[in-house]
Amino acid sequence: MFLCNSGAEANENALKLASFHTGRKKIVAFHKAFHGRTSLAVAATDNPTIVAPVNETDNVVFLPFNDSTALQEYFAAHGREVAAVIIEGIQGVGGINVARPDFLQAIRSVCDEYGAVYVADSVQCGYGRSGMFFSHDFAGVHADIYTMAKGMGNGFPVGGIIISPAIRPKHGMLGTTFGGNHLACAAALAVLEILEREQLIAKAAETGAYLRDELNTIPQLQNVRGRGLMIGFDVPEQFKDLRKNLLSRHGIFTGEAKPSAIRMLPALNIGRKEADQLLSAIKEELE
């Protein structure tokens, strides 16, 4: 494992390591991807509003998400140029879009066939949030590099990458300013201990399933989706103020994804009581 400061830096280092390892330049990412705001990470992010001209590069190509045919066709034409494929197991900022198991398996297959590196961006969807430690685990595949942050320190700034033994980094190849400092390591260890002691990954799966089932009974909500405690749904135009009202009237903070998605990523120790408070507030506002 290599420890660094943030999720963006973790993805940055993962992609640099993949390029060093393969000697290639091309990176495959996907529509609606978000991988961070540092130079290379933002270049692999599908959001033109946050990509400055200095970050633009022809070395990143964006393919359709969950489209195995498009992936295989691109690799058939350009596979020997690809250093890495980077993908979120569940797109967070993009709107809680879940990667299908067969799609992640297709990525593993083409990476093996053409010698590319499979980078599993687990910054938002990792560390138990999905109901498994890595959301990519639902596909039964192993990535070559996993990137982590956010939940890794439970609010304390720390990130990291887990690297397959098949990839041999050289001393000095990767660098960071504050990564691996003693306090960050203590915070990260404490998080792992609490995850295990309080069985928070299993609780995330259980509470998340309950929330999704209940949200699916609310007729005004559309396309309820997600895994574990990483949940999204769409709201029709007439309820566009739902997120704002949940915050101002109920003190419930949620995320969003344009144009109409609400994203919910509550703490993994949320209980049934808090889940019911959320559901009651949503129903009250919609009624």
C-alpha atoms as a PDB file:
ATOM      1  CA  MET A   1       0.000   0.000   0.000  1.00  0.00           C
ATOM      2  CA  PHE A   2       1.087   3.570  -0.733  1.00  0.00           C
ATOM      3  CA  LEU A   3      -0.426   6.287   1.490  1.00  0.00           C
ATOM      4  CA  CYS A   4      -1.141   9.788   0.208  1.00  0.00           C
ATOM      5  CA  ASN A   5      -3.262  12.834   1.058  1.00  0.00           C
ATOM      6  CA  SER A   6      -6.535  12.578  -0.836  1.00  0.00           C
ATOM      7  CA  GLY A   7      -8.661  10.631  -3.283  1.00  0.00           C
ATOM      8  CA  ALA A   8      -7.558  12.770  -6.213  1.00  0.00           C
ATOM      9  CA  GLU A   9      -3.921  12.191  -5.362  1.00  0.00           C
ATOM     10  CA  ALA A  10      -4.584   8.463  -4.994  1.00  0.00           C
ATOM     11  CA  ASN A  11      -6.083   8.315  -8.502  1.00  0.00           C
ATOM     12  CA  GLU A  12      -3.293  10.510  -9.851  1.00  0.00           C
ATOM     13  CA  ASN A  13      -0.622   8.197  -8.475  1.00  0.00           C
ATOM     14  CA  ALA A  14      -2.483   5.090  -9.664  1.00  0.00           C
ATOM     15  CA  LEU A  15      -2.642   6.342 -13.254  1.00  0.00           C
ATOM     16  CA  LYS A  16       0.997   7.466 -13.211  1.00  0.00           C
ATOM     17  CA  LEU A  17       2.040   4.073 -11.873  1.00  0.00           C
ATOM     18  CA  ALA A  18       0.035   2.323 -14.599  1.00  0.00           C
ATOM     19  CA  SER A  19       1.736   4.418 -17.269  1.00  0.00           C
ATOM     20  CA  PHE A  20       5.179   3.719 -15.795  1.00  0.00           C
ATOM     21  CA  HIS A  21       4.394   0.013 -15.603  1.00  0.00           C
ATOM     22  CA  THR A  22       3.119  -0.378 -19.172  1.00  0.00           C
ATOM     23  CA  GLY A  23       5.139   2.336 -20.912  1.00  0.00           C
ATOM     24  CA  ARG A  24       1.883   3.561 -22.505  1.00  0.00           C
ATOM     25  CA  LYS A  25      -0.025   6.857 -22.475  1.00  0.00           C
ATOM     26  CA  LYS A  26      -3.707   6.155 -23.078  1.00  0.00           C
ATOM     27  CA  ILE A  27      -6.210   6.110 -20.204  1.00  0.00           C
ATOM     28  CA  VAL A  28      -9.753   4.778 -20.609  1.00  0.00           C
ATOM     29  CA  ALA A  29     -12.399   6.390 -18.384  1.00  0.00           C
ATOM     30  CA  PHE A  30     -16.179   6.559 -18.691  1.00  0.00           C
ATOM     31  CA  HIS A  31     -18.974   9.036 -19.224  1.00  0.00           C
ATOM     32  CA  LYS A  32     -20.014  10.821 -15.984  1.00  0.00           C
ATOM     33  CA  ALA A  33     -16.808   9.693 -14.261  1.00  0.00           C
ATOM     34  CA  PHE A  34     -15.382  11.748 -11.401  1.00  0.00           C
ATOM     35  CA  HIS A  35     -11.847  10.931 -10.265  1.00  0.00           C
ATOM     36  CA  GLY A  36     -10.712  14.152  -8.559  1.00  0.00           C
ATOM     37  CA  ARG A  37      -9.341  17.633  -9.190  1.00  0.00           C
ATOM     38  CA  THR A  38      -5.588  17.217  -9.419  1.00  0.00           C
ATOM     39  CA  SER A  39      -4.027  17.457 -12.867  1.00  0.00           C
ATOM     40  CA  LEU A  40      -4.290  13.914 -14.238  1.00  0.00           C
ATOM     41  CA  ALA A  41      -7.295  12.935 -12.107  1.00  0.00           C
ATOM     42  CA  VAL A  42      -9.348  15.859 -13.418  1.00  0.00           C
ATOM     43  CA  ALA A  43      -8.279  15.034 -16.982  1.00  0.00           C
ATOM     44  CA  ALA A  44      -9.929  11.634 -16.446  1.00  0.00           C
ATOM     45  CA  THR A  45     -13.081  13.299 -15.043  1.00  0.00           C
ATOM     46  CA  ASP A  46     -15.998  13.731 -17.434  1.00  0.00           C
ATOM     47  CA  ASN A  47     -16.968  17.257 -16.387  1.00  0.00           C
ATOM     48  CA  PRO A  48     -15.765  20.015 -18.758  1.00  0.00           C
ATOM     49  CA  THR A  49     -16.668  22.764 -16.272  1.00  0.00           C
ATOM     50  CA  ILE A  50     -13.840  21.757 -13.918  1.00  0.00           C
ATOM     51  CA  VAL A  51     -11.214  20.771 -16.508  1.00  0.00           C
ATOM     52  CA  ALA A  52      -8.957  23.745 -17.154  1.00  0.00           C
ATOM     53  CA  PRO A  53      -7.276  24.059 -20.577  1.00  0.00           C
ATOM     54  CA  VAL A  54      -3.921  23.141 -19.026  1.00  0.00           C
ATOM     55  CA  ASN A  55      -5.422  19.812 -17.886  1.00  0.00           C
ATOM     56  CA  GLU A  56      -6.831  18.834 -21.271  1.00  0.00           C
ATOM     57  CA  THR A  57      -5.106  15.904 -22.952  1.00  0.00           C
ATOM     58  CA  ASP A  58      -5.683  13.603 -25.896  1.00  0.00           C
ATOM     59  CA  ASN A  59      -4.434  10.700 -23.797  1.00  0.00           C
ATOM     60  CA  VAL A  60      -7.767  10.162 -22.005  1.00  0.00           C
ATOM     61  CA  VAL A  61     -10.742   8.681 -23.835  1.00  0.00           C
ATOM     62  CA  PHE A  62     -14.249   8.466 -22.366  1.00  0.00           C
ATOM     63  CA  LEU A  63     -16.364   5.455 -23.279  1.00  0.00           C
ATOM     64  CA  PRO A  64     -20.046   4.775 -22.486  1.00  0.00           C
ATOM     65  CA  PHE A  65     -20.588   3.481 -18.957  1.00  0.00           C
ATOM     66  CA  ASN A  66     -21.827  -0.123 -18.708  1.00  0.00           C
ATOM     67  CA  ASP A  67     -21.366  -0.683 -22.463  1.00  0.00           C
ATOM     68  CA  SER A  68     -19.238  -3.808 -22.883  1.00  0.00           C
ATOM     69  CA  THR A  69     -19.510  -3.715 -26.678  1.00  0.00           C
ATOM     70  CA  ALA A  70     -18.056  -0.213 -26.935  1.00  0.00           C
ATOM     71  CA  LEU A  71     -15.268  -1.223 -24.529  1.00  0.00           C
ATOM     72  CA  GLN A  72     -14.332  -4.313 -26.516  1.00  0.00           C
ATOM     73  CA  GLU A  73     -14.459  -2.445 -29.831  1.00  0.00           C
ATOM     74  CA  TYR A  74     -12.142   0.277 -28.514  1.00  0.00           C
ATOM     75  CA  PHE A  75      -9.644  -2.273 -27.213  1.00  0.00           C
ATOM     76  CA  ALA A  76      -9.750  -4.212 -30.466  1.00  0.00           C
ATOM     77  CA  ALA A  77      -8.641  -1.043 -32.252  1.00  0.00           C
ATOM     78  CA  HIS A  78      -6.361   0.595 -29.634  1.00  0.00           C
ATOM     79  CA  GLY A  79      -5.750  -1.961 -26.868  1.00  0.00           C
ATOM     80  CA  ARG A  80      -1.958  -1.991 -27.168  1.00  0.00           C
ATOM     81  CA  GLU A  81      -1.901   1.772 -26.508  1.00  0.00           C
ATOM     82  CA  VAL A  82      -3.909   1.652 -23.261  1.00  0.00           C
ATOM     83  CA  ALA A  83      -2.041   2.000 -19.974  1.00  0.00           C
ATOM     84  CA  ALA A  84      -5.082   1.767 -17.688  1.00  0.00           C
ATOM     85  CA  VAL A  85      -8.830   1.577 -17.363  1.00  0.00           C
ATOM     86  CA  ILE A  86     -10.131   3.552 -14.376  1.00  0.00           C
ATOM     87  CA  ILE A  87     -13.684   3.087 -13.140  1.00  0.00           C
ATOM     88  CA  GLU A  88     -15.794   3.742 -10.061  1.00  0.00           C
ATOM     89  CA  GLY A  89     -17.698   0.638  -8.977  1.00  0.00           C
ATOM     90  CA  ILE A  90     -20.562   3.047  -8.281  1.00  0.00           C
ATOM     91  CA  GLN A  91     -20.311   6.509  -9.815  1.00  0.00           C
ATOM     92  CA  GLY A  92     -20.810   9.030  -7.032  1.00  0.00           C
ATOM     93  CA  VAL A  93     -20.759  12.586  -8.380  1.00  0.00           C
ATOM     94  CA  GLY A  94     -22.069  11.206 -11.680  1.00  0.00           C
ATOM     95  CA  GLY A  95     -25.367  10.298 -10.029  1.00  0.00           C
ATOM     96  CA  ILE A  96     -25.080   6.917  -8.211  1.00  0.00           C
ATOM     97  CA  ASN A  97     -24.714   4.820 -11.342  1.00  0.00           C
ATOM     98  CA  VAL A  98     -23.882   1.209 -10.490  1.00  0.00           C
ATOM     99  CA  ALA A  99     -21.391  -0.632 -12.683  1.00  0.00           C
ATOM    100  CA  ARG A 100     -22.894  -3.956 -13.754  1.00  0.00           C
ATOM    101  CA  PRO A 101     -20.910  -7.053 -12.709  1.00  0.00           C
ATOM    102  CA  ASP A 102     -20.621  -8.233 -16.319  1.00  0.00           C
ATOM    103  CA  PHE A 103     -19.179  -4.832 -17.297  1.00  0.00           C
ATOM    104  CA  LEU A 104     -16.497  -4.977 -14.606  1.00  0.00           C
ATOM    105  CA  GLN A 105     -15.732  -8.539 -15.690  1.00  0.00           C
ATOM    106  CA  ALA A 106     -15.354  -7.304 -19.282  1.00  0.00           C
ATOM    107  CA  ILE A 107     -12.866  -4.669 -18.083  1.00  0.00           C
ATOM    108  CA  ARG A 108     -10.852  -7.339 -16.287  1.00  0.00           C
ATOM    109  CA  SER A 109     -10.893  -9.469 -19.431  1.00  0.00           C
ATOM    110  CA  VAL A 110      -9.659  -6.790 -21.855  1.00  0.00           C
ATOM    111  CA  CYS A 111      -7.027  -5.573 -19.394  1.00  0.00           C
ATOM    112  CA  ASP A 112      -5.691  -9.121 -19.148  1.00  0.00           C
ATOM    113  CA  GLU A 113      -5.770  -9.615 -22.910  1.00  0.00           C
ATOM    114  CA  TYR A 114      -4.035  -6.351 -23.810  1.00  0.00           C
ATOM    115  CA  GLY A 115      -1.759  -5.855 -20.814  1.00  0.00           C
ATOM    116  CA  ALA A 116      -3.520  -2.790 -19.384  1.00  0.00           C
ATOM    117  CA  VAL A 117      -3.930  -1.964 -15.692  1.00  0.00           C
ATOM    118  CA  TYR A 118      -7.378  -2.127 -14.088  1.00  0.00           C
ATOM    119  CA  VAL A 119      -7.716   0.769 -11.610  1.00  0.00           C
ATOM    120  CA  ALA A 120     -10.691   0.459  -9.239  1.00  0.00           C
ATOM    121  CA  ASP A 121     -11.570   3.948  -7.992  1.00  0.00           C
ATOM    122  CA  SER A 122     -12.998   3.150  -4.566  1.00  0.00           C
ATOM    123  CA  VAL A 123     -12.694   6.633  -3.078  1.00  0.00           C
ATOM    124  CA  GLN A 124     -16.455   7.068  -2.604  1.00  0.00           C
ATOM    125  CA  CYS A 125     -17.767   3.551  -3.128  1.00  0.00           C
ATOM    126  CA  GLY A 126     -15.148   1.711  -1.071  1.00  0.00           C
ATOM    127  CA  TYR A 127     -14.488   1.075   2.607  1.00  0.00           C
ATOM    128  CA  GLY A 128     -17.731  -0.784   3.167  1.00  0.00           C
ATOM    129  CA  ARG A 129     -20.167   1.803   1.861  1.00  0.00           C
ATOM    130  CA  SER A 130     -21.689  -0.559  -0.706  1.00  0.00           C
ATOM    131  CA  GLY A 131     -22.168  -3.433   1.744  1.00  0.00           C
ATOM    132  CA  MET A 132     -18.880  -5.018   0.682  1.00  0.00           C
ATOM    133  CA  PHE A 133     -15.433  -3.594   1.351  1.00  0.00           C
ATOM    134  CA  PHE A 134     -14.955  -2.650  -2.313  1.00  0.00           C
ATOM    135  CA  SER A 135     -18.014  -2.256  -4.534  1.00  0.00           C
ATOM    136  CA  HIS A 136     -16.019  -3.947  -7.323  1.00  0.00           C
ATOM    137  CA  ASP A 137     -16.196  -7.116  -5.212  1.00  0.00           C
ATOM    138  CA  PHE A 138     -19.803  -7.638  -6.326  1.00  0.00           C
ATOM    139  CA  ALA A 139     -18.419  -8.609  -9.739  1.00  0.00           C
ATOM    140  CA  GLY A 140     -16.055 -11.221  -8.325  1.00  0.00           C
ATOM    141  CA  VAL A 141     -13.020  -9.612  -9.976  1.00  0.00           C
ATOM    142  CA  HIS A 142      -9.724  -8.301  -8.631  1.00  0.00           C
ATOM    143  CA  ALA A 143      -8.380  -4.961  -9.820  1.00  0.00           C
ATOM    144  CA  ASP A 144      -4.655  -4.287 -10.241  1.00  0.00           C
ATOM    145  CA  ILE A 145      -4.826  -1.061  -8.218  1.00  0.00           C
ATOM    146  CA  TYR A 146      -7.477   0.071  -5.725  1.00  0.00           C
ATOM    147  CA  THR A 147      -7.645   3.742  -4.769  1.00  0.00           C
ATOM    148  CA  MET A 148      -9.112   4.840  -1.440  1.00  0.00           C
ATOM    149  CA  ALA A 149      -9.791   7.967   0.637  1.00  0.00           C
ATOM    150  CA  LYS A 150     -12.835   9.665   2.265  1.00  0.00           C
ATOM    151  CA  GLY A 151     -14.142   6.851   4.496  1.00  0.00           C
ATOM    152  CA  MET A 152     -10.571   5.649   4.997  1.00  0.00           C
ATOM    153  CA  GLY A 153     -10.025   8.314   7.670  1.00  0.00           C
ATOM    154  CA  ASN A 154     -13.638   9.058   8.658  1.00  0.00           C
ATOM    155  CA  GLY A 155     -13.071  12.750   7.933  1.00  0.00           C
ATOM    156  CA  PHE A 156      -9.346  12.883   8.626  1.00  0.00           C
ATOM    157  CA  PRO A 157      -7.451  13.599   5.379  1.00  0.00           C
ATOM    158  CA  VAL A 158      -5.786  10.422   4.159  1.00  0.00           C
ATOM    159  CA  GLY A 159      -5.791   8.417   0.959  1.00  0.00           C
ATOM    160  CA  GLY A 160      -4.046   5.385  -0.377  1.00  0.00           C
ATOM    161  CA  ILE A 161      -3.613   2.861  -3.141  1.00  0.00           C
ATOM    162  CA  ILE A 162      -3.325  -0.914  -2.898  1.00  0.00           C
ATOM    163  CA  ILE A 163      -1.044  -2.237  -5.629  1.00  0.00           C
ATOM    164  CA  SER A 164      -0.955  -5.749  -7.074  1.00  0.00           C
ATOM    165  CA  PRO A 165       2.367  -7.559  -6.520  1.00  0.00           C
ATOM    166  CA  ALA A 166       2.565  -7.896 -10.315  1.00  0.00           C
ATOM    167  CA  ILE A 167       3.269  -4.151 -10.538  1.00  0.00           C
ATOM    168  CA  ARG A 168       6.756  -3.351  -9.289  1.00  0.00           C
ATOM    169  CA  PRO A 169       7.079   0.315  -8.284  1.00  0.00           C
ATOM    170  CA  LYS A 170      10.555   1.797  -7.925  1.00  0.00           C
ATOM    171  CA  HIS A 171      11.682   3.795  -4.912  1.00  0.00           C
ATOM    172  CA  GLY A 172      10.887   7.460  -5.490  1.00  0.00           C
ATOM    173  CA  MET A 173       8.454   6.770  -8.346  1.00  0.00           C
ATOM    174  CA  LEU A 174       5.458   7.930  -6.284  1.00  0.00           C
ATOM    175  CA  GLY A 175       5.494  10.934  -3.982  1.00  0.00           C
ATOM    176  CA  THR A 176       3.299  12.889  -1.600  1.00  0.00           C
ATOM    177  CA  THR A 177       3.626  15.717   0.926  1.00  0.00           C
ATOM    178  CA  PHE A 178       1.797  14.547   4.053  1.00  0.00           C
ATOM    179  CA  GLY A 179       0.792  11.000   3.099  1.00  0.00           C
ATOM    180  CA  GLY A 180       1.559   8.332   5.652  1.00  0.00           C
ATOM    181  CA  ASN A 181       2.045  10.708   8.579  1.00  0.00           C
ATOM    182  CA  HIS A 182       1.612   9.144  11.998  1.00  0.00           C
ATOM    183  CA  LEU A 183      -1.694  10.805  12.864  1.00  0.00           C
ATOM    184  CA  ALA A 184      -3.262   9.851   9.521  1.00  0.00           C
ATOM    185  CA  CYS A 185      -2.125   6.255  10.001  1.00  0.00           C
ATOM    186  CA  ALA A 186      -3.616   6.178  13.512  1.00  0.00           C
ATOM    187  CA  ALA A 187      -6.937   7.496  12.179  1.00  0.00           C
ATOM    188  CA  ALA A 188      -6.994   4.952   9.348  1.00  0.00           C
ATOM    189  CA  LEU A 189      -6.250   2.070  11.722  1.00  0.00           C
ATOM    190  CA  ALA A 190      -8.982   3.221  14.117  1.00  0.00           C
ATOM    191  CA  VAL A 191     -11.503   3.251  11.251  1.00  0.00           C
ATOM    192  CA  LEU A 192     -10.665  -0.340  10.323  1.00  0.00           C
ATOM    193  CA  GLU A 193     -10.963  -1.433  13.945  1.00  0.00           C
ATOM    194  CA  ILE A 194     -14.406   0.186  14.333  1.00  0.00           C
ATOM    195  CA  LEU A 195     -15.623  -1.169  10.992  1.00  0.00           C
ATOM    196  CA  GLU A 196     -14.807  -4.658  12.231  1.00  0.00           C
ATOM    197  CA  ARG A 197     -15.922  -4.272  15.841  1.00  0.00           C
ATOM    198  CA  GLU A 198     -19.287  -2.689  15.049  1.00  0.00           C
ATOM    199  CA  GLN A 199     -19.856  -4.779  11.894  1.00  0.00           C
ATOM    200  CA  LEU A 200     -20.568  -1.600   9.946  1.00  0.00           C
ATOM    201  CA  ILE A 201     -20.209  -3.160   6.508  1.00  0.00           C
ATOM    202  CA  ALA A 202     -22.987  -5.653   7.219  1.00  0.00           C
ATOM    203  CA  LYS A 203     -25.078  -2.867   8.762  1.00  0.00           C
ATOM    204  CA  ALA A 204     -24.563  -0.732   5.652  1.00  0.00           C
ATOM    205  CA  ALA A 205     -25.896  -3.580   3.505  1.00  0.00           C
ATOM    206  CA  GLU A 206     -28.890  -4.134   5.782  1.00  0.00           C
ATOM    207  CA  THR A 207     -29.875  -0.498   6.339  1.00  0.00           C
ATOM    208  CA  GLY A 208     -29.237   0.353   2.701  1.00  0.00           C
ATOM    209  CA  ALA A 209     -31.527  -2.431   1.507  1.00  0.00           C
ATOM    210  CA  TYR A 210     -34.235  -1.193   3.887  1.00  0.00           C
ATOM    211  CA  LEU A 211     -33.920   2.386   2.643  1.00  0.00           C
ATOM    212  CA  ARG A 212     -34.046   1.394  -1.022  1.00  0.00           C
ATOM    213  CA  ASP A 213     -37.064  -0.845  -0.459  1.00  0.00           C
ATOM    214  CA  GLU A 214     -38.924   1.950   1.327  1.00  0.00           C
ATOM    215  CA  LEU A 215     -37.931   4.593  -1.229  1.00  0.00           C
ATOM    216  CA  ASN A 216     -39.280   2.348  -3.972  1.00  0.00           C
ATOM    217  CA  THR A 217     -42.734   2.536  -2.334  1.00  0.00           C
ATOM    218  CA  ILE A 218     -42.850   6.336  -2.714  1.00  0.00           C
ATOM    219  CA  PRO A 219     -44.583   6.878  -6.071  1.00  0.00           C
ATOM    220  CA  GLN A 220     -43.175  10.352  -6.715  1.00  0.00           C
ATOM    221  CA  LEU A 221     -39.570   9.079  -6.750  1.00  0.00           C
ATOM    222  CA  GLN A 222     -38.042   7.620  -9.889  1.00  0.00           C
ATOM    223  CA  ASN A 223     -35.197   5.175 -10.578  1.00  0.00           C
ATOM    224  CA  VAL A 224     -34.169   4.375  -7.010  1.00  0.00           C
ATOM    225  CA  ARG A 225     -30.718   2.814  -7.276  1.00  0.00           C
ATOM    226  CA  GLY A 226     -27.462   2.063  -5.492  1.00  0.00           C
ATOM    227  CA  ARG A 227     -25.910  -0.463  -3.160  1.00  0.00           C
ATOM    228  CA  GLY A 228     -25.550  -0.383   0.598  1.00  0.00           C
ATOM    229  CA  LEU A 229     -25.537   3.175   1.888  1.00  0.00           C
ATOM    230  CA  MET A 230     -24.767   4.730  -1.482  1.00  0.00           C
ATOM    231  CA  ILE A 231     -28.231   5.514  -2.795  1.00  0.00           C
ATOM    232  CA  GLY A 232     -29.666   7.772  -5.474  1.00  0.00           C
ATOM    233  CA  PHE A 233     -33.031   8.570  -7.000  1.00  0.00           C
ATOM    234  CA  ASP A 234     -34.496  11.027  -9.475  1.00  0.00           C
ATOM    235  CA  VAL A 235     -37.207  13.577  -8.719  1.00  0.00           C
ATOM    236  CA  PRO A 236     -39.647  15.050 -11.248  1.00  0.00           C
ATOM    237  CA  GLU A 237     -39.481  18.759 -12.031  1.00  0.00           C
ATOM    238  CA  GLN A 238     -42.385  19.645  -9.720  1.00  0.00           C
ATOM    239  CA  PHE A 239     -40.331  18.412  -6.749  1.00  0.00           C
ATOM    240  CA  LYS A 240     -37.076  20.137  -7.709  1.00  0.00           C
ATOM    241  CA  ASP A 241     -36.921  21.869  -4.295  1.00  0.00           C
ATOM    242  CA  LEU A 242     -36.921  18.581  -2.372  1.00  0.00           C
ATOM    243  CA  ARG A 243     -33.214  18.669  -1.560  1.00  0.00           C
ATOM    244  CA  LYS A 244     -33.317  22.289  -0.458  1.00  0.00           C
ATOM    245  CA  ASN A 245     -36.372  21.665   1.728  1.00  0.00           C
ATOM    246  CA  LEU A 246     -34.855  18.602   3.362  1.00  0.00           C
ATOM    247  CA  LEU A 247     -31.948  20.782   4.456  1.00  0.00           C
ATOM    248  CA  SER A 248     -33.792  23.956   5.474  1.00  0.00           C
ATOM    249  CA  ARG A 249     -36.824  22.351   7.138  1.00  0.00           C
ATOM    250  CA  HIS A 250     -35.460  19.079   8.489  1.00  0.00           C
ATOM    251  CA  GLY A 251     -31.704  19.583   8.834  1.00  0.00           C
ATOM    252  CA  ILE A 252     -31.033  16.671   6.468  1.00  0.00           C
ATOM    253  CA  PHE A 253     -28.129  17.209   4.080  1.00  0.00           C
ATOM    254  CA  THR A 254     -27.997  15.241   0.816  1.00  0.00           C
ATOM    255  CA  GLY A 255     -25.969  15.454  -2.356  1.00  0.00           C
ATOM    256  CA  GLU A 256     -27.185  16.000  -5.889  1.00  0.00           C
ATOM    257  CA  ALA A 257     -26.314  15.229  -9.479  1.00  0.00           C
ATOM    258  CA  LYS A 258     -27.648  17.372 -12.285  1.00  0.00           C
ATOM    259  CA  PRO A 259     -30.242  17.561 -13.583  1.00  0.00           C
ATOM    260  CA  SER A 260     -32.595  15.799 -11.156  1.00  0.00           C
ATOM    261  CA  ALA A 261     -30.821  13.230  -8.971  1.00  0.00           C
ATOM    262  CA  ILE A 262     -30.505  13.238  -5.198  1.00  0.00           C
ATOM    263  CA  ARG A 263     -27.537  11.357  -3.745  1.00  0.00           C
ATOM    264  CA  MET A 264     -27.553   9.925  -0.227  1.00  0.00           C
ATOM    265  CA  LEU A 265     -24.359   8.703   1.471  1.00  0.00           C
ATOM    266  CA  PRO A 266     -25.165   8.625   5.211  1.00  0.00           C
ATOM    267  CA  ALA A 267     -22.751   7.490   7.892  1.00  0.00           C
ATOM    268  CA  LEU A 268     -22.308   3.737   7.989  1.00  0.00           C
ATOM    269  CA  ASN A 269     -23.521   3.608  11.621  1.00  0.00           C
ATOM    270  CA  ILE A 270     -26.938   5.073  10.737  1.00  0.00           C
ATOM    271  CA  GLY A 271     -29.698   3.086  12.442  1.00  0.00           C
ATOM    272  CA  ARG A 272     -33.306   2.269  11.615  1.00  0.00           C
ATOM    273  CA  LYS A 273     -34.467   5.285  13.661  1.00  0.00           C
ATOM    274  CA  GLU A 274     -32.465   7.747  11.539  1.00  0.00           C
ATOM    275  CA  ALA A 275     -33.483   5.966   8.346  1.00  0.00           C
ATOM    276  CA  ASP A 276     -37.149   6.336   9.277  1.00  0.00           C
ATOM    277  CA  GLN A 277     -36.642  10.027  10.070  1.00  0.00           C
ATOM    278  CA  LEU A 278     -35.236  10.507   6.583  1.00  0.00           C
ATOM    279  CA  LEU A 279     -38.082   8.610   4.951  1.00  0.00           C
ATOM    280  CA  SER A 280     -40.697  10.557   6.926  1.00  0.00           C
ATOM    281  CA  ALA A 281     -39.123  13.867   5.923  1.00  0.00           C
ATOM    282  CA  ILE A 282     -39.082  12.902   2.237  1.00  0.00           C
ATOM    283  CA  LYS A 283     -42.729  11.801   2.345  1.00  0.00           C
ATOM    284  CA  GLU A 284     -43.759  14.983   4.170  1.00  0.00           C
ATOM    285  CA  GLU A 285     -42.121  17.212   1.572  1.00  0.00           C
ATOM    286  CA  LEU A 286     -43.537  15.276  -1.379  1.00  0.00           C
ATOM    287  CA  GLU A 287     -47.046  15.352   0.077  1.00  0.00           C
END
